[in-house]
């Protein structure tokens, strides 16, 4: 009987990672993540004639916390690094070093077997990359972004001089870094130039699907107040425990582009869903920004209406490019 998620794992290796026989594929996971994910990816690699190894570490404290030295050493020796972990390794020095060493890196932060088996893993990643590239180009040209949503989000960002970037779900060249099944365009706003209200009605990378909307008041790029229910309290506590004011600063604005993704409490799929946008608090130094922080927390909201310099580029799931 075929293992649940097997087809998703095959697509992950073939399309997303472009893995080939003769290459060394490393799966980095942790004890807070379903071990079946790594096991299924290894099984799919074996079916494809690809050498794959897995290594399991203790869960990291925060998104962006560094892995232990043995994991770093393994990452530096691999051609492909796939990370189904409970918190993201994308925003780490280890990821940067592995990519600099030529590894192709794929984050699967917060992934579950439901993500691996989801329709999002069967998206036409090459086709969506063409749409992604057009949106990234528009982001780079933009000076001012305004985003609203029916729940009450009303935010303005100054992005003048910042470059747009994209996550295509594919890491096919040495040094590439992506997430899967994430497809998104993103930018690092100027650090002191985000103002307004963010209503998180989707999910967060530290609490999963929100049970009650989180209301965040942002002035001059800093989250001054965080209100709501238990999710809001958890988010506030996690940010305070970093003991860094930089953790409260807006580091990213992103737009999801995967039409087959759904919000299920796994940030690697949630933030890539077409019909959502997200704001991250914390570090953006690997995204083209200047805010160095000990964490990076993504906050997803639904049905965004996004304008670049007064022109609508996204309303709900409808893109105008």
Protein backbone atom coordinates (compact mmCIF):
# COMPACT_ATOMS: atom_id res chain seq x y z
CA UNK A 1 0.00 0.00 0.00
CA UNK A 2 1.32 3.46 -0.92
CA UNK A 3 2.22 5.58 2.10
CA UNK A 4 0.09 8.69 2.71
CA UNK A 5 1.96 11.72 1.40
CA UNK A 6 4.20 9.60 -0.85
CA UNK A 7 3.19 11.44 -4.04
CA UNK A 8 3.80 14.76 -2.32
CA UNK A 9 7.25 13.58 -1.26
CA UNK A 10 8.04 12.51 -4.82
CA UNK A 11 7.01 15.93 -6.14
CA UNK A 12 9.03 17.58 -3.38
CA UNK A 13 12.16 15.73 -4.47
CA UNK A 14 11.62 15.80 -8.23
CA UNK A 15 10.12 19.24 -8.85
CA UNK A 16 10.87 21.31 -5.77
CA UNK A 17 14.43 20.08 -5.10
CA UNK A 18 15.37 18.75 -8.55
CA UNK A 19 17.16 15.96 -6.67
CA UNK A 20 19.05 13.41 -8.73
CA UNK A 21 20.74 10.06 -8.15
CA UNK A 22 24.28 10.60 -6.94
CA UNK A 23 23.36 13.61 -4.81
CA UNK A 24 23.24 13.64 -1.03
CA UNK A 25 19.84 14.64 0.35
CA UNK A 26 19.56 15.49 4.05
CA UNK A 27 16.25 15.69 5.90
CA UNK A 28 16.51 17.70 9.13
CA UNK A 29 13.60 17.25 11.52
CA UNK A 30 12.92 17.55 15.25
CA UNK A 31 11.16 15.56 17.93
CA UNK A 32 8.13 17.88 17.86
CA UNK A 33 7.45 17.04 14.20
CA UNK A 34 5.66 13.91 12.98
CA UNK A 35 8.52 11.47 12.16
CA UNK A 36 6.40 10.02 9.34
CA UNK A 37 7.19 13.09 7.24
CA UNK A 38 10.94 12.44 7.14
CA UNK A 39 10.37 8.70 6.80
CA UNK A 40 8.09 9.23 3.80
CA UNK A 41 10.59 11.56 2.10
CA UNK A 42 13.36 9.00 2.60
CA UNK A 43 11.12 6.28 1.15
CA UNK A 44 10.31 8.43 -1.87
CA UNK A 45 14.01 9.16 -2.38
CA UNK A 46 14.77 5.44 -2.31
CA UNK A 47 12.10 4.84 -4.96
CA UNK A 48 13.76 7.51 -7.12
CA UNK A 49 17.25 6.05 -6.62
CA UNK A 50 18.39 9.01 -4.52
CA UNK A 51 20.51 8.73 -1.37
CA UNK A 52 18.70 10.40 1.54
CA UNK A 53 19.55 10.58 5.23
CA UNK A 54 17.59 12.03 8.14
CA UNK A 55 18.70 13.64 11.36
CA UNK A 56 16.46 14.49 14.31
CA UNK A 57 17.24 17.27 16.77
CA UNK A 58 15.61 18.81 19.81
CA UNK A 59 12.98 21.43 18.86
CA UNK A 60 14.39 24.94 18.65
CA UNK A 61 13.12 27.53 21.11
CA UNK A 62 12.05 30.12 18.54
CA UNK A 63 11.60 30.44 14.79
CA UNK A 64 15.09 31.30 13.55
CA UNK A 65 17.00 29.67 16.43
CA UNK A 66 20.18 27.94 15.27
CA UNK A 67 20.46 24.14 15.02
CA UNK A 68 23.19 22.27 17.00
CA UNK A 69 26.67 21.93 15.52
CA UNK A 70 26.29 18.28 14.35
CA UNK A 71 23.24 19.31 12.31
CA UNK A 72 25.14 22.25 10.85
CA UNK A 73 27.99 19.91 9.87
CA UNK A 74 25.54 17.60 8.12
CA UNK A 75 23.91 20.53 6.31
CA UNK A 76 27.28 21.69 5.05
CA UNK A 77 27.96 18.27 3.49
CA UNK A 78 24.63 17.91 1.65
CA UNK A 79 23.55 18.79 -1.88
CA UNK A 80 19.92 19.20 -0.80
CA UNK A 81 18.64 20.07 2.69
CA UNK A 82 14.93 19.60 3.42
CA UNK A 83 13.71 20.77 6.81
CA UNK A 84 10.34 19.56 8.14
CA UNK A 85 10.82 21.18 11.55
CA UNK A 86 8.47 22.68 14.12
CA UNK A 87 10.11 26.11 13.77
CA UNK A 88 11.79 27.53 10.70
CA UNK A 89 15.51 27.21 9.99
CA UNK A 90 15.24 29.56 7.01
CA UNK A 91 16.22 32.58 9.10
CA UNK A 92 19.41 31.02 10.52
CA UNK A 93 23.13 31.36 9.96
CA UNK A 94 23.19 27.59 9.39
CA UNK A 95 20.90 27.90 6.39
CA UNK A 96 22.94 30.78 5.01
CA UNK A 97 26.18 28.80 5.43
CA UNK A 98 24.74 25.68 3.79
CA UNK A 99 23.50 27.68 0.80
CA UNK A 100 26.82 29.48 0.52
CA UNK A 101 28.39 26.02 0.41
CA UNK A 102 26.17 25.14 -2.56
CA UNK A 103 23.26 23.33 -0.90
CA UNK A 104 19.72 23.70 -2.16
CA UNK A 105 17.56 24.40 0.89
CA UNK A 106 13.82 23.75 1.36
CA UNK A 107 12.04 24.77 4.54
CA UNK A 108 8.92 22.88 5.59
CA UNK A 109 8.43 24.68 8.90
CA UNK A 110 5.39 23.51 10.83
CA UNK A 111 4.65 20.81 8.27
CA UNK A 112 2.37 17.90 9.09
CA UNK A 113 1.51 14.78 7.13
CA UNK A 114 -1.60 16.64 6.03
CA UNK A 115 0.64 19.22 4.34
CA UNK A 116 2.78 16.57 2.65
CA UNK A 117 -0.37 14.83 1.40
CA UNK A 118 -2.17 18.05 0.46
CA UNK A 119 -3.09 19.34 -2.99
CA UNK A 120 -0.72 22.26 -2.35
CA UNK A 121 2.22 19.88 -2.87
CA UNK A 122 0.93 19.11 -6.37
CA UNK A 123 0.79 22.75 -7.49
CA UNK A 124 2.30 23.61 -10.86
CA UNK A 125 5.34 25.28 -9.31
CA UNK A 126 7.07 26.18 -12.62
CA UNK A 127 3.89 27.84 -13.95
CA UNK A 128 3.30 29.79 -10.74
CA UNK A 129 6.93 30.94 -10.78
CA UNK A 130 6.17 33.06 -13.87
CA UNK A 131 3.35 34.82 -12.01
CA UNK A 132 5.58 35.15 -8.96
CA UNK A 133 8.33 36.84 -10.97
CA UNK A 134 5.91 39.45 -12.30
CA UNK A 135 4.69 40.24 -8.79
CA UNK A 136 8.26 40.44 -7.45
CA UNK A 137 9.08 42.92 -10.22
CA UNK A 138 6.08 45.05 -9.22
CA UNK A 139 7.13 44.88 -5.56
CA UNK A 140 10.60 46.16 -6.41
CA UNK A 141 9.14 49.11 -8.34
CA UNK A 142 6.68 50.00 -5.56
CA UNK A 143 7.25 52.82 -3.11
CA UNK A 144 4.12 52.59 -0.99
CA UNK A 145 1.92 49.61 -0.12
CA UNK A 146 -1.48 49.74 1.47
CA UNK A 147 -3.32 46.59 2.54
CA UNK A 148 -6.77 46.16 4.06
CA UNK A 149 -9.02 43.18 4.74
CA UNK A 150 -12.64 42.64 5.84
CA UNK A 151 -11.58 41.72 9.39
CA UNK A 152 -10.14 45.19 9.94
CA UNK A 153 -6.55 45.21 8.73
CA UNK A 154 -5.50 48.67 7.55
CA UNK A 155 -1.75 48.97 7.10
CA UNK A 156 0.59 51.19 5.16
CA UNK A 157 4.21 50.32 4.35
CA UNK A 158 7.03 52.39 2.88
CA UNK A 159 9.14 50.05 0.75
CA UNK A 160 10.98 52.59 -1.38
CA UNK A 161 14.43 51.31 -2.35
CA UNK A 162 13.81 47.78 -1.09
CA UNK A 163 13.94 44.78 -3.43
CA UNK A 164 11.07 42.37 -3.84
CA UNK A 165 11.86 38.68 -3.44
CA UNK A 166 10.08 35.43 -4.13
CA UNK A 167 9.65 31.93 -2.77
CA UNK A 168 8.79 29.69 -5.71
CA UNK A 169 8.58 26.38 -3.87
CA UNK A 170 11.58 25.27 -5.94
CA UNK A 171 15.29 25.16 -5.13
CA UNK A 172 16.91 23.90 -8.30
CA UNK A 173 20.26 25.70 -8.41
CA UNK A 174 23.19 25.59 -5.97
CA UNK A 175 22.55 28.06 -3.16
CA UNK A 176 18.80 28.35 -3.73
CA UNK A 177 16.59 28.58 -0.64
CA UNK A 178 12.83 28.20 -0.64
CA UNK A 179 9.87 26.77 1.23
CA UNK A 180 7.43 24.11 0.06
CA UNK A 181 4.55 24.15 -0.63
CA UNK A 182 4.97 27.88 -0.01
CA UNK A 183 4.75 30.20 -3.01
CA UNK A 184 4.96 33.88 -2.10
CA UNK A 185 6.29 37.30 -3.03
CA UNK A 186 7.71 39.32 -0.15
CA UNK A 187 9.58 42.48 0.75
CA UNK A 188 11.22 43.98 3.83
CA UNK A 189 9.55 47.36 4.52
CA UNK A 190 11.64 50.26 5.80
CA UNK A 191 12.06 49.54 9.48
CA UNK A 192 10.36 52.67 10.88
CA UNK A 193 7.74 53.14 8.18
CA UNK A 194 4.87 50.72 8.80
CA UNK A 195 1.74 52.17 10.40
CA UNK A 196 -1.81 51.04 11.10
CA UNK A 197 -3.71 48.02 12.36
CA UNK A 198 -3.11 44.33 11.60
CA UNK A 199 -6.01 41.91 12.20
CA UNK A 200 -4.69 38.36 12.09
CA UNK A 201 -7.60 36.08 11.19
CA UNK A 202 -5.64 33.20 9.62
CA UNK A 203 -2.74 31.74 11.55
CA UNK A 204 0.63 32.46 13.11
CA UNK A 205 3.87 30.54 12.91
CA UNK A 206 3.92 30.09 16.69
CA UNK A 207 0.27 29.38 17.59
CA UNK A 208 -1.25 27.78 14.46
CA UNK A 209 -4.78 28.63 13.31
CA UNK A 210 -6.05 31.55 15.38
CA UNK A 211 -9.09 30.86 17.53
CA UNK A 212 -9.82 34.55 18.04
CA UNK A 213 -8.60 37.43 15.89
CA UNK A 214 -5.36 39.04 16.99
CA UNK A 215 -5.35 42.84 16.79
CA UNK A 216 -1.94 44.49 16.54
CA UNK A 217 -1.48 48.26 16.56
CA UNK A 218 1.67 49.24 14.69
CA UNK A 219 3.31 52.66 14.73
CA UNK A 220 6.64 53.59 13.13
CA UNK A 221 7.24 49.92 12.41
CA UNK A 222 6.76 48.65 15.98
CA UNK A 223 3.93 46.51 17.37
CA UNK A 224 2.83 48.70 20.29
CA UNK A 225 -0.10 46.57 21.46
CA UNK A 226 -1.34 43.04 20.84
CA UNK A 227 -4.92 42.22 21.76
CA UNK A 228 -7.35 39.33 21.47
CA UNK A 229 -7.70 35.94 23.14
CA UNK A 230 -5.28 33.18 24.09
CA UNK A 231 -3.40 33.34 20.77
CA UNK A 232 -2.69 37.04 21.30
CA UNK A 233 -1.48 36.37 24.82
CA UNK A 234 0.80 33.56 23.62
CA UNK A 235 2.23 35.74 20.86
CA UNK A 236 2.89 38.58 23.33
CA UNK A 237 4.59 36.22 25.76
CA UNK A 238 6.84 34.71 23.08
CA UNK A 239 7.89 38.15 21.84
CA UNK A 240 8.59 39.40 25.38
CA UNK A 241 10.66 36.34 26.20
CA UNK A 242 13.09 37.17 23.40
CA UNK A 243 14.06 40.22 25.50
CA UNK A 244 14.58 42.20 22.31
CA UNK A 245 12.65 45.23 21.11
CA UNK A 246 13.67 44.25 17.57
CA UNK A 247 11.35 41.23 17.85
CA UNK A 248 8.38 43.62 17.92
CA UNK A 249 9.41 45.42 14.72
CA UNK A 250 7.80 44.65 11.36
CA UNK A 251 10.28 42.72 9.23
CA UNK A 252 8.30 41.50 6.23
CA UNK A 253 5.19 41.85 4.11
CA UNK A 254 4.29 38.89 1.89
CA UNK A 255 1.58 37.75 -0.52
CA UNK A 256 0.65 34.07 -0.97
CA UNK A 257 0.34 32.66 -4.50
CA UNK A 258 -0.31 28.91 -4.22
CA UNK A 259 -3.88 28.38 -5.50
CA UNK A 260 -4.08 24.85 -4.04
CA UNK A 261 -2.97 25.77 -0.51
CA UNK A 262 -5.24 26.05 2.52
CA UNK A 263 -4.90 27.45 6.03
CA UNK A 264 -4.39 24.46 8.28
CA UNK A 265 -2.09 25.79 11.02
CA UNK A 266 1.15 24.88 9.22
CA UNK A 267 2.87 28.13 8.33
CA UNK A 268 4.76 26.69 5.36
CA UNK A 269 1.41 26.16 3.60
CA UNK A 270 -0.65 28.91 5.25
CA UNK A 271 1.58 31.83 4.24
CA UNK A 272 1.76 30.57 0.65
CA UNK A 273 -2.03 30.36 0.11
CA UNK A 274 -3.45 32.54 -2.67
CA UNK A 275 -6.03 34.77 -1.01
CA UNK A 276 -3.83 35.53 2.01
CA UNK A 277 -1.11 37.97 2.90
CA UNK A 278 1.18 38.01 5.90
CA UNK A 279 3.25 40.33 8.04
CA UNK A 280 6.24 39.10 10.01
CA UNK A 281 7.58 40.56 13.22
CA UNK A 282 11.30 40.24 13.85
CA UNK A 283 14.42 39.54 11.86
CA UNK A 284 14.62 40.56 8.21
CA UNK A 285 18.38 40.70 7.69
CA UNK A 286 18.18 37.76 5.26
CA UNK A 287 15.31 39.42 3.39
CA UNK A 288 17.07 42.64 2.47
CA UNK A 289 16.28 44.55 5.68
CA UNK A 290 18.25 45.88 8.63
CA UNK A 291 16.29 44.62 11.64
CA UNK A 292 18.37 41.99 13.45
CA UNK A 293 16.25 40.05 15.91
CA UNK A 294 16.37 36.65 17.64
CA UNK A 295 13.17 35.47 15.96
CA UNK A 296 10.91 35.84 12.89
CA UNK A 297 7.18 35.27 13.44
CA UNK A 298 4.74 35.18 10.51
CA UNK A 299 1.14 36.39 10.92
CA UNK A 300 -1.33 35.38 8.20
CA UNK A 301 -4.55 37.18 7.35
CA UNK A 302 -7.29 36.42 4.81
CA UNK A 303 -8.88 38.22 1.85
CA UNK A 304 -6.32 41.01 1.51
CA UNK A 305 -6.86 44.04 -0.73
CA UNK A 306 -3.36 45.14 -1.69
CA UNK A 307 -2.45 48.34 -3.50
CA UNK A 308 0.98 49.33 -4.79
CA UNK A 309 1.22 53.12 -5.12
CA UNK A 310 -2.57 53.35 -5.26
CA UNK A 311 -3.06 50.60 -7.86
CA UNK A 312 -4.78 47.34 -6.85
CA UNK A 313 -2.61 44.28 -7.45
CA UNK A 314 -4.58 41.77 -5.35
CA UNK A 315 -8.14 41.66 -4.12
CA UNK A 316 -9.00 38.39 -2.42
CA UNK A 317 -7.73 35.77 -4.83
CA UNK A 318 -7.80 38.02 -7.91
CA UNK A 319 -4.39 39.21 -9.08
CA UNK A 320 -3.98 42.16 -11.43
CA UNK A 321 -0.52 42.02 -12.98
